[in-house]
Protein backbone atom coordinates (compact mmCIF):
# COMPACT_ATOMS: atom_id res chain seq x y z
CA MET A 1 -59.63 -64.81 15.81
CA HIS A 2 -63.64 -64.05 14.34
CA HIS A 3 -64.53 -66.03 11.44
CA ILE A 4 -67.60 -63.89 11.46
CA THR A 5 -67.57 -61.68 7.98
CA GLU A 6 -69.28 -58.09 7.54
CA PRO A 7 -71.57 -57.80 4.03
CA ASN A 8 -68.28 -55.89 2.88
CA ALA A 9 -65.89 -59.32 3.33
CA LEU A 10 -64.03 -57.39 6.31
CA PRO A 11 -64.17 -59.80 9.61
CA VAL A 12 -65.76 -58.72 12.83
CA PRO A 13 -62.89 -56.74 14.94
CA GLN A 14 -61.35 -58.36 17.68
CA VAL A 15 -61.97 -56.47 21.13
CA PRO A 16 -59.45 -56.66 23.92
CA ASP A 17 -61.31 -59.07 26.80
CA CYS A 18 -64.28 -58.90 25.09
CA VAL A 19 -66.05 -62.11 23.26
CA PHE A 20 -68.15 -61.14 20.42
CA ILE A 21 -72.16 -62.23 20.57
CA ARG A 22 -74.05 -60.72 17.65
CA MET A 23 -74.55 -57.93 15.25
CA LEU A 24 -76.71 -55.64 16.51
CA GLY A 25 -77.24 -53.56 13.24
CA SER A 26 -75.68 -51.58 10.03
CA GLY A 27 -75.99 -48.20 8.57
CA ALA A 28 -74.52 -46.15 5.44
CA ALA A 29 -71.42 -45.29 7.84
CA ALA A 30 -70.57 -48.18 10.55
CA ASN A 31 -71.55 -51.57 11.79
CA VAL A 32 -72.46 -51.65 15.46
CA TYR A 33 -71.84 -55.52 17.31
CA LEU A 34 -72.96 -56.79 20.88
CA PHE A 35 -69.94 -57.66 22.94
CA ARG A 36 -69.44 -59.19 26.61
CA HIS A 37 -66.58 -58.28 28.65
CA VAL A 38 -65.64 -61.06 30.19
CA GLN A 39 -63.83 -59.92 33.45
CA GLN A 40 -66.84 -56.98 33.92
CA HIS A 41 -69.74 -59.11 32.78
CA ARG A 42 -71.44 -56.36 30.80
CA ASP A 43 -72.26 -55.73 27.56
CA LEU A 44 -70.63 -53.74 25.13
CA ALA A 45 -71.89 -52.18 21.84
CA VAL A 46 -69.28 -51.92 19.53
CA LYS A 47 -69.19 -49.30 16.26
CA VAL A 48 -66.94 -50.02 13.51
CA SER A 49 -66.48 -47.67 10.44
CA HIS A 50 -67.01 -49.54 7.08
CA GLN A 51 -63.88 -48.47 5.77
CA PRO A 52 -60.07 -48.37 6.98
CA LEU A 53 -59.17 -45.30 7.87
CA HIS A 54 -55.83 -43.75 6.13
CA TYR A 55 -52.89 -43.20 9.22
CA GLN A 56 -53.88 -39.44 9.79
CA ASP A 57 -57.25 -40.31 9.84
CA GLN A 58 -56.61 -42.89 12.58
CA GLN A 59 -54.91 -40.47 14.72
CA ARG A 60 -57.67 -37.85 14.67
CA PHE A 61 -60.47 -41.00 15.09
CA GLN A 62 -58.42 -41.82 18.10
CA SER A 63 -57.78 -38.23 19.27
CA GLU A 64 -61.37 -36.88 18.61
CA ALA A 65 -62.97 -40.18 20.37
CA LYS A 66 -60.89 -39.59 23.63
CA ALA A 67 -62.17 -35.88 23.77
CA LEU A 68 -65.83 -37.24 23.55
CA THR A 69 -64.93 -39.21 26.23
CA ALA A 70 -65.76 -35.93 28.48
CA LEU A 71 -69.66 -35.99 27.63
CA SER A 72 -70.30 -39.58 29.20
CA ALA A 73 -70.52 -37.29 32.56
CA HIS A 74 -74.10 -36.61 31.67
CA PRO A 75 -76.50 -39.07 32.98
CA HIS A 76 -78.36 -38.57 29.12
CA ILE A 77 -75.25 -38.79 27.07
CA LEU A 78 -74.43 -42.26 26.03
CA THR A 79 -71.29 -43.56 27.44
CA ILE A 80 -67.99 -44.02 25.81
CA HIS A 81 -65.79 -46.45 27.16
CA GLY A 82 -62.85 -46.32 24.86
CA SER A 83 -61.73 -46.58 20.96
CA PHE A 84 -59.13 -48.12 18.90
CA VAL A 85 -58.11 -48.66 15.05
CA ASP A 86 -58.20 -52.36 14.53
CA ALA A 87 -56.14 -54.95 12.59
CA CYS A 88 -57.82 -53.78 9.14
CA GLY A 89 -57.46 -50.07 10.24
CA ARG A 90 -61.15 -49.26 10.73
CA GLY A 91 -62.32 -46.95 13.82
CA CYS A 92 -64.07 -48.79 16.68
CA LEU A 93 -65.64 -47.14 19.73
CA LEU A 94 -66.66 -49.01 22.68
CA LEU A 95 -70.12 -47.65 23.85
CA ASP A 96 -73.01 -48.58 26.69
CA TYR A 97 -75.34 -50.89 25.30
CA ALA A 98 -78.80 -49.90 25.44
CA THR A 99 -80.78 -52.58 25.90
CA ASN A 100 -84.41 -50.87 25.27
CA GLY A 101 -83.41 -49.84 21.52
CA SER A 102 -84.42 -46.41 20.24
CA CYS A 103 -87.17 -43.77 20.41
CA GLN A 104 -87.41 -44.91 16.27
CA ASP A 105 -87.98 -48.45 17.23
CA LEU A 106 -90.84 -47.52 19.94
CA ILE A 107 -92.78 -44.60 17.16
CA ARG A 108 -92.65 -47.40 15.01
CA HIS A 109 -95.40 -49.00 16.74
CA GLN A 110 -97.27 -46.02 17.64
CA PRO A 111 -96.63 -42.23 18.90
CA MET A 112 -95.58 -41.44 22.44
CA SER A 113 -97.83 -39.38 24.63
CA VAL A 114 -97.73 -35.44 25.26
CA MET A 115 -96.49 -35.97 28.96
CA ARG A 116 -93.55 -38.51 27.99
CA THR A 117 -91.96 -36.59 24.78
CA LEU A 118 -92.44 -33.43 27.03
CA ASP A 119 -89.94 -35.76 29.61
CA ILE A 120 -87.77 -36.66 26.79
CA GLY A 121 -87.52 -33.42 25.33
CA ILE A 122 -86.31 -31.49 28.78
CA GLN A 123 -83.80 -34.06 29.40
CA LEU A 124 -82.27 -34.11 25.70
CA ALA A 125 -82.09 -30.34 25.38
CA ASP A 126 -80.14 -30.67 28.86
CA ALA A 127 -77.52 -33.13 27.57
CA LEU A 128 -77.35 -31.03 24.30
CA SER A 129 -77.15 -27.49 26.45
CA PHE A 130 -73.95 -29.80 28.28
CA ALA A 131 -72.51 -30.75 25.21
CA HIS A 132 -72.53 -27.30 23.77
CA ARG A 133 -71.19 -25.82 27.14
CA GLN A 134 -68.30 -28.54 26.22
CA GLY A 135 -67.86 -26.80 22.88
CA PHE A 136 -69.27 -30.34 20.88
CA VAL A 137 -72.14 -30.22 18.31
CA HIS A 138 -73.82 -33.71 17.47
CA ARG A 139 -75.16 -32.66 13.88
CA ASP A 140 -77.75 -35.74 13.89
CA VAL A 141 -80.23 -35.62 16.45
CA LYS A 142 -82.85 -38.09 15.43
CA PRO A 143 -85.16 -40.45 16.78
CA SER A 144 -83.09 -43.43 16.33
CA ASN A 145 -79.94 -41.56 17.56
CA VAL A 146 -82.38 -41.14 20.86
CA LEU A 147 -81.43 -44.85 22.70
CA LEU A 148 -83.36 -45.88 25.96
CA ASP A 149 -81.71 -47.54 28.94
CA ALA A 150 -83.00 -50.34 31.22
CA HIS A 151 -85.29 -47.86 32.98
CA GLY A 152 -86.17 -46.35 29.84
CA LEU A 153 -84.59 -42.83 29.95
CA PRO A 154 -83.01 -41.34 27.52
CA LEU A 155 -79.39 -41.48 25.95
CA LEU A 156 -77.89 -38.87 23.14
CA ALA A 157 -75.84 -41.19 21.03
CA ASP A 158 -74.09 -40.89 17.55
CA PHE A 159 -72.34 -37.52 18.43
CA GLY A 160 -70.62 -36.57 15.32
CA ILE A 161 -66.97 -37.71 15.65
CA CYS A 162 -64.97 -37.76 12.07
CA ALA A 163 -68.36 -37.58 10.02
CA HIS A 164 -66.35 -37.33 7.11
CA LEU A 165 -64.18 -40.21 7.87
CA TYR A 166 -66.93 -42.24 8.05
CA GLN A 167 -68.23 -41.22 4.73
CA THR A 168 -71.80 -40.49 5.28
CA SER A 169 -74.45 -39.63 2.75
CA VAL A 170 -74.50 -35.98 4.24
CA ILE A 171 -70.42 -34.40 4.43
CA THR A 172 -71.61 -32.81 7.74
CA GLY A 173 -73.19 -35.97 9.05
CA HIS A 174 -76.82 -35.02 9.22
CA SER A 175 -79.89 -37.13 8.04
CA PRO A 176 -81.58 -35.22 5.46
CA LEU A 177 -84.96 -35.58 7.21
CA TRP A 178 -83.99 -34.23 10.39
CA SER A 179 -81.22 -31.91 9.30
CA ALA A 180 -81.80 -27.54 9.47
CA PRO A 181 -82.89 -25.58 6.27
CA GLU A 182 -79.28 -24.04 6.78
CA VAL A 183 -77.77 -27.41 6.76
CA LEU A 184 -79.16 -28.49 3.57
CA ALA A 185 -78.49 -25.22 1.92
CA GLY A 186 -74.61 -25.72 2.09
CA LEU A 187 -74.44 -22.35 4.32
CA SER A 188 -73.53 -24.05 7.80
CA GLY A 189 -71.95 -27.48 8.91
CA GLY A 190 -73.82 -27.64 11.74
CA ASN A 191 -73.79 -25.62 15.00
CA ASP A 192 -75.77 -25.53 18.35
CA MET A 193 -78.84 -23.78 16.20
CA SER A 194 -78.93 -26.54 13.65
CA ASP A 195 -78.84 -29.08 16.65
CA MET A 196 -82.10 -27.73 18.05
CA TYR A 197 -83.38 -27.67 14.79
CA SER A 198 -83.17 -31.37 14.71
CA MET A 199 -84.11 -31.73 18.34
CA GLY A 200 -87.27 -30.23 17.19
CA ALA A 201 -88.06 -32.09 14.68
CA THR A 202 -87.39 -35.22 16.58
CA LEU A 203 -89.82 -34.23 19.52
CA ALA A 204 -92.33 -33.90 16.48
CA ALA A 205 -91.70 -37.09 15.21
CA LEU A 206 -92.03 -38.98 18.68
CA LEU A 207 -95.70 -37.17 19.19
CA THR A 208 -96.86 -37.72 15.44
CA GLY A 209 -94.96 -41.06 14.29
CA MET A 210 -93.10 -39.68 11.24
CA PRO A 211 -91.06 -36.61 10.56
CA PRO A 212 -92.56 -33.28 10.74
CA GLU A 213 -91.99 -32.62 6.96
CA ARG A 214 -94.75 -35.24 6.36
CA CYS A 215 -97.19 -34.32 8.88
CA ASP A 216 -99.03 -31.31 10.11
CA LEU A 217 -98.65 -30.41 13.67
CA ASP A 218 -102.28 -28.73 13.54
CA THR A 219 -104.24 -32.09 12.95
CA TYR A 220 -103.21 -33.24 15.73
CA ASP A 221 -104.98 -33.06 19.37
CA LEU A 222 -101.87 -31.38 20.70
CA PRO A 223 -101.15 -28.66 23.55
CA ALA A 224 -101.32 -24.91 21.97
CA ASP A 225 -98.17 -24.40 24.14
CA LEU A 226 -96.05 -27.41 22.75
CA VAL A 227 -96.92 -26.77 19.10
CA ARG A 228 -95.58 -23.14 19.79
CA ILE A 229 -92.54 -24.51 21.21
CA LEU A 230 -91.93 -27.28 18.12
CA ARG A 231 -92.44 -24.43 15.46
CA ARG A 232 -89.83 -22.36 17.28
CA LEU A 233 -87.66 -24.73 17.50
CA MET A 234 -88.02 -25.82 13.72
CA ALA A 235 -88.18 -21.90 12.41
CA HIS A 236 -86.48 -21.73 8.95
CA HIS A 237 -84.32 -19.07 10.08
CA PRO A 238 -81.68 -19.87 13.29
CA ASP A 239 -82.25 -16.53 14.51
CA ASP A 240 -85.76 -17.30 15.08
CA ARG A 241 -85.25 -20.18 17.31
CA TYR A 242 -84.15 -20.20 21.04
CA GLY A 243 -81.15 -18.48 21.99
CA SER A 244 -79.67 -21.66 23.50
CA MET A 245 -80.92 -25.03 24.51
CA ARG A 246 -81.31 -24.06 28.42
CA GLU A 247 -83.98 -21.56 27.49
CA CYS A 248 -85.46 -24.24 25.66
CA MET A 249 -85.40 -26.57 28.29
CA HIS A 250 -86.73 -24.32 30.73
CA THR A 251 -89.77 -23.39 28.46
CA LEU A 252 -90.67 -27.18 28.14
CA GLN A 253 -90.57 -27.56 31.91
CA GLU A 254 -92.92 -24.68 31.94
CA VAL A 255 -95.33 -26.21 29.76
CA GLN A 256 -94.83 -29.93 31.38
CA TYR A 257 -95.49 -27.87 34.59
CA ARG A 258 -98.58 -26.35 33.49
CA LEU A 259 -100.27 -29.51 31.92
CA ILE A 260 -99.55 -31.42 35.52
CA HIS A 261 -100.74 -28.50 37.28
CA GLU A 262 -104.17 -28.41 35.44
CA ALA A 263 -104.78 -32.17 35.93
CA GLU A 264 -103.57 -32.16 39.86
CA PRO A 265 -103.68 -28.72 41.25
CA HIS A 266 -100.80 -27.94 43.87
CA ALA A 267 -98.98 -31.14 43.36
CA LEU A 268 -95.76 -29.55 42.25
CA PRO A 269 -94.15 -26.46 42.84
CA ALA A 270 -93.46 -24.16 40.05
CA PRO A 271 -90.29 -24.28 37.95
CA SER A 272 -88.90 -21.17 39.24
CA ASP A 273 -88.54 -22.38 42.64
CA LEU A 274 -86.97 -25.50 41.57
CA PRO A 275 -83.05 -25.59 42.79
CA SER A 276 -80.53 -24.32 40.05
CA GLY A 277 -78.50 -26.75 37.98
CA PRO A 278 -79.32 -29.87 35.80
CA THR A 279 -83.06 -30.56 37.64
CA VAL A 280 -85.36 -31.02 34.43
CA SER A 281 -87.49 -33.83 34.65
CA ILE A 282 -91.24 -33.59 35.94
CA MET A 283 -92.28 -37.33 34.71
CA ALA A 284 -90.65 -40.32 32.90
CA SER A 285 -93.33 -41.52 31.72
CA SER A 286 -97.27 -41.43 30.80
CA SER A 287 -98.09 -43.60 33.59
CA SER A 288 -96.86 -40.96 35.97
CA GLN A 289 -94.41 -42.93 37.22
CA PRO A 290 -90.74 -41.52 37.49
CA TYR A 291 -88.08 -43.68 35.87
CA THR A 292 -84.42 -43.63 38.19
CA ARG A 293 -81.20 -43.79 36.69
CA THR A 294 -77.87 -44.26 38.74
CA PRO A 295 -76.57 -40.91 38.76
CA SER A 296 -73.21 -39.61 37.57
CA ALA A 297 -70.50 -37.82 38.68
CA HIS A 298 -71.34 -34.52 36.77
CA PRO A 299 -73.24 -33.23 36.04
CA LYS A 300 -76.20 -34.18 38.88
CA PRO A 301 -78.38 -36.37 36.80
CA VAL A 302 -82.09 -35.33 35.97
CA THR A 303 -84.58 -35.59 39.09
CA PRO A 304 -88.39 -35.67 38.58
CA LEU A 305 -90.50 -32.72 40.17
CA ARG A 306 -92.84 -35.13 42.10
CA ARG A 307 -89.96 -36.18 44.41
CA ILE A 308 -89.11 -32.13 45.43
CA ARG A 309 -91.54 -31.28 48.10
CA ARG A 310 -91.31 -28.05 49.82
CA SER A 311 -93.20 -26.62 52.76
CA HIS A 312 -95.67 -23.44 52.53
CA ILE A 313 -93.51 -21.93 54.90
CA HIS A 314 -90.43 -20.37 54.30
CA PRO A 315 -87.37 -22.10 55.47
CA SER A 316 -86.11 -18.72 57.18
CA LEU A 317 -89.79 -18.43 59.03
CA HIS A 318 -89.12 -22.13 60.33
CA THR A 319 -85.65 -20.46 61.94
CA LEU A 320 -87.37 -17.26 63.42
CA LEU A 321 -89.98 -19.58 65.19
CA ALA A 322 -87.73 -21.90 66.43
CA ILE A 323 -85.54 -18.80 67.68
CA ILE A 324 -88.69 -17.18 69.19
CA ILE A 325 -89.75 -20.75 70.94
CA ALA A 326 -86.36 -21.32 72.31
CA ALA A 327 -86.32 -17.77 73.70
CA ALA A 328 -89.81 -18.32 75.34
CA LEU A 329 -88.20 -21.74 77.05
CA LEU A 330 -85.06 -19.87 78.56
CA ALA A 331 -87.01 -16.80 79.64
CA ALA A 332 -89.31 -19.34 81.49
CA LEU A 333 -86.34 -21.11 82.98
CA LEU A 334 -84.91 -18.10 84.20
CA ALA A 335 -87.77 -16.65 86.01
CA ALA A 336 -88.28 -19.98 87.70
CA MET A 337 -84.59 -19.93 89.00
CA LEU A 338 -85.42 -16.35 89.96
CA LEU A 339 -88.41 -17.39 91.86
CA TRP A 340 -86.09 -20.25 93.55
CA HIS A 341 -83.57 -18.16 94.95
CA GLY A 342 -85.28 -15.35 95.61
CA SER A 343 -83.00 -12.18 95.03
CA GLU A 344 -80.02 -13.92 94.65
CA THR A 345 -78.46 -12.95 91.10
CA VAL A 346 -78.41 -15.29 88.07
CA ASP A 347 -75.22 -15.12 86.09
CA THR A 348 -76.12 -15.59 82.76
CA ASP A 349 -72.82 -16.87 81.13
CA MET A 350 -73.38 -19.78 83.06
CA LEU A 351 -76.59 -20.47 81.34
CA GLY A 352 -75.18 -19.44 77.70
CA VAL A 353 -76.93 -16.43 77.18
CA VAL A 354 -75.71 -13.74 75.17
CA ASN A 355 -75.81 -10.18 76.53
CA ASP A 356 -74.53 -6.89 75.75
CA ASN A 357 -71.23 -7.65 77.74
CA ASN A 358 -70.48 -10.80 76.42
CA ARG A 359 -71.44 -10.24 72.49
CA HIS A 360 -68.51 -9.74 70.27
CA MET A 361 -69.53 -8.72 66.69
CA PRO A 362 -67.15 -8.33 64.00
CA PRO A 363 -66.05 -4.93 62.70
CA PRO A 364 -68.08 -3.34 60.82
CA GLU A 365 -65.49 -3.63 57.79
CA VAL A 366 -65.42 -7.26 58.06
CA ALA A 367 -69.03 -7.59 58.25
CA SER A 368 -69.37 -5.78 54.88
CA THR A 369 -66.88 -7.69 53.06
CA GLN A 370 -67.98 -10.89 53.93
CA PRO A 371 -71.14 -11.70 52.63
CA ASN A 372 -73.55 -14.81 54.06
CA ARG A 373 -73.33 -16.87 51.18
CA HIS A 374 -76.28 -19.11 52.76
CA PHE A 375 -78.79 -15.88 53.39
CA LYS A 376 -80.67 -14.96 50.11
CA HIS A 377 -82.54 -11.98 49.44
CA GLU A 378 -85.63 -13.98 49.84
CA ASP A 379 -84.49 -15.03 53.01
CA ALA A 380 -84.55 -11.18 53.89
CA THR A 381 -87.67 -10.47 52.43
CA ALA A 382 -89.65 -13.30 54.54
CA ILE A 383 -88.01 -12.42 58.09
CA ALA A 384 -88.91 -8.46 57.27
CA ASN A 385 -92.59 -9.18 56.32
CA SER A 386 -92.74 -11.85 59.48
CA PRO A 387 -95.05 -10.71 62.08
CA ALA A 388 -92.53 -10.48 64.72
CA ALA A 389 -90.51 -8.14 62.44
CA THR A 390 -93.96 -6.04 62.24
CA CYS A 391 -94.14 -6.00 65.82
CA GLU A 392 -90.65 -4.92 66.41
CA ALA A 393 -90.77 -2.26 63.78
CA GLY A 394 -93.90 -1.01 65.57
CA VAL A 395 -92.26 -0.71 69.22
CA SER A 396 -89.84 0.90 67.44
CA SER A 397 -91.37 3.79 65.89
């Protein structure tokens, strides 16, 4: 039994297989403690509600915490390892311990660079897009809830689990400085559009070191495209914001690409050339050194674009050139054999050459109902415009 007590005289909770180390912080809703798992030799942050929960609230707390564990699959959402209700009836969440604090801790010293802010914004937009598709709304996006792991990568923390149970100052769990106008006016309890506003306010704070209502973005030396994005994210009416976090993420990617391309022409492929999926990060710091992080199962972790290199020659042209070279070598081999054997006939079947007699093509109805999943429209366009195809078209005409 731990003898250390909280400010409200309730003892530090007992966590199975864990040893209490120290208190990490205290907020309006809960305290956070650092524990060490004895068997797994890793640190855990345990968030404990200030007030005991009624029985029905305890059941809801456990249910919502279990549902939120699905979000831990995303590499930029803080992992929830479990939950329980302690002997005092308080809700306890077992979380990963983010060793580098939060973005709020960083901007207390100095604002972030444009590139670092863009990178974090892209990763947060991807995390929120994933959460929204799973049916979850954060409701309290702000710099202090964007934690940083050992590699400096952002981890979105403190999703709005049982906000009313934690007795926050705002019923929906929002913080006034970062809340959307419709939430402050009581017109919305929080949705994907209010999360978008809060993320815009958070990014503005990373760039300036203060909440957006206390600064004028036009007085800072910021790229005009980035300022336009922030103003749209923080538009007063939800309909004037982006249609989705996915759209916002792609727009941030395009701005970051343009800024890097202006500094280093031909250094990166255009965002439209990137593989589909949650590949969102170009750079992970203002020092141009990409961060790395242990991949999660699903979805795929963000991948710095600097690691993606594509040849200027389309992959289908590589294949076509390889076929032409192989055919030329085979023709030379056949010619040599004919010269060697004189008039002796060469059995092409023995050489593995496909001719009209042993060519087996699928029936037309089969070919038309079995699309080639590996052959894309752009492959067909590249082959049609290749020199070999042009030459063949000239012969046939």
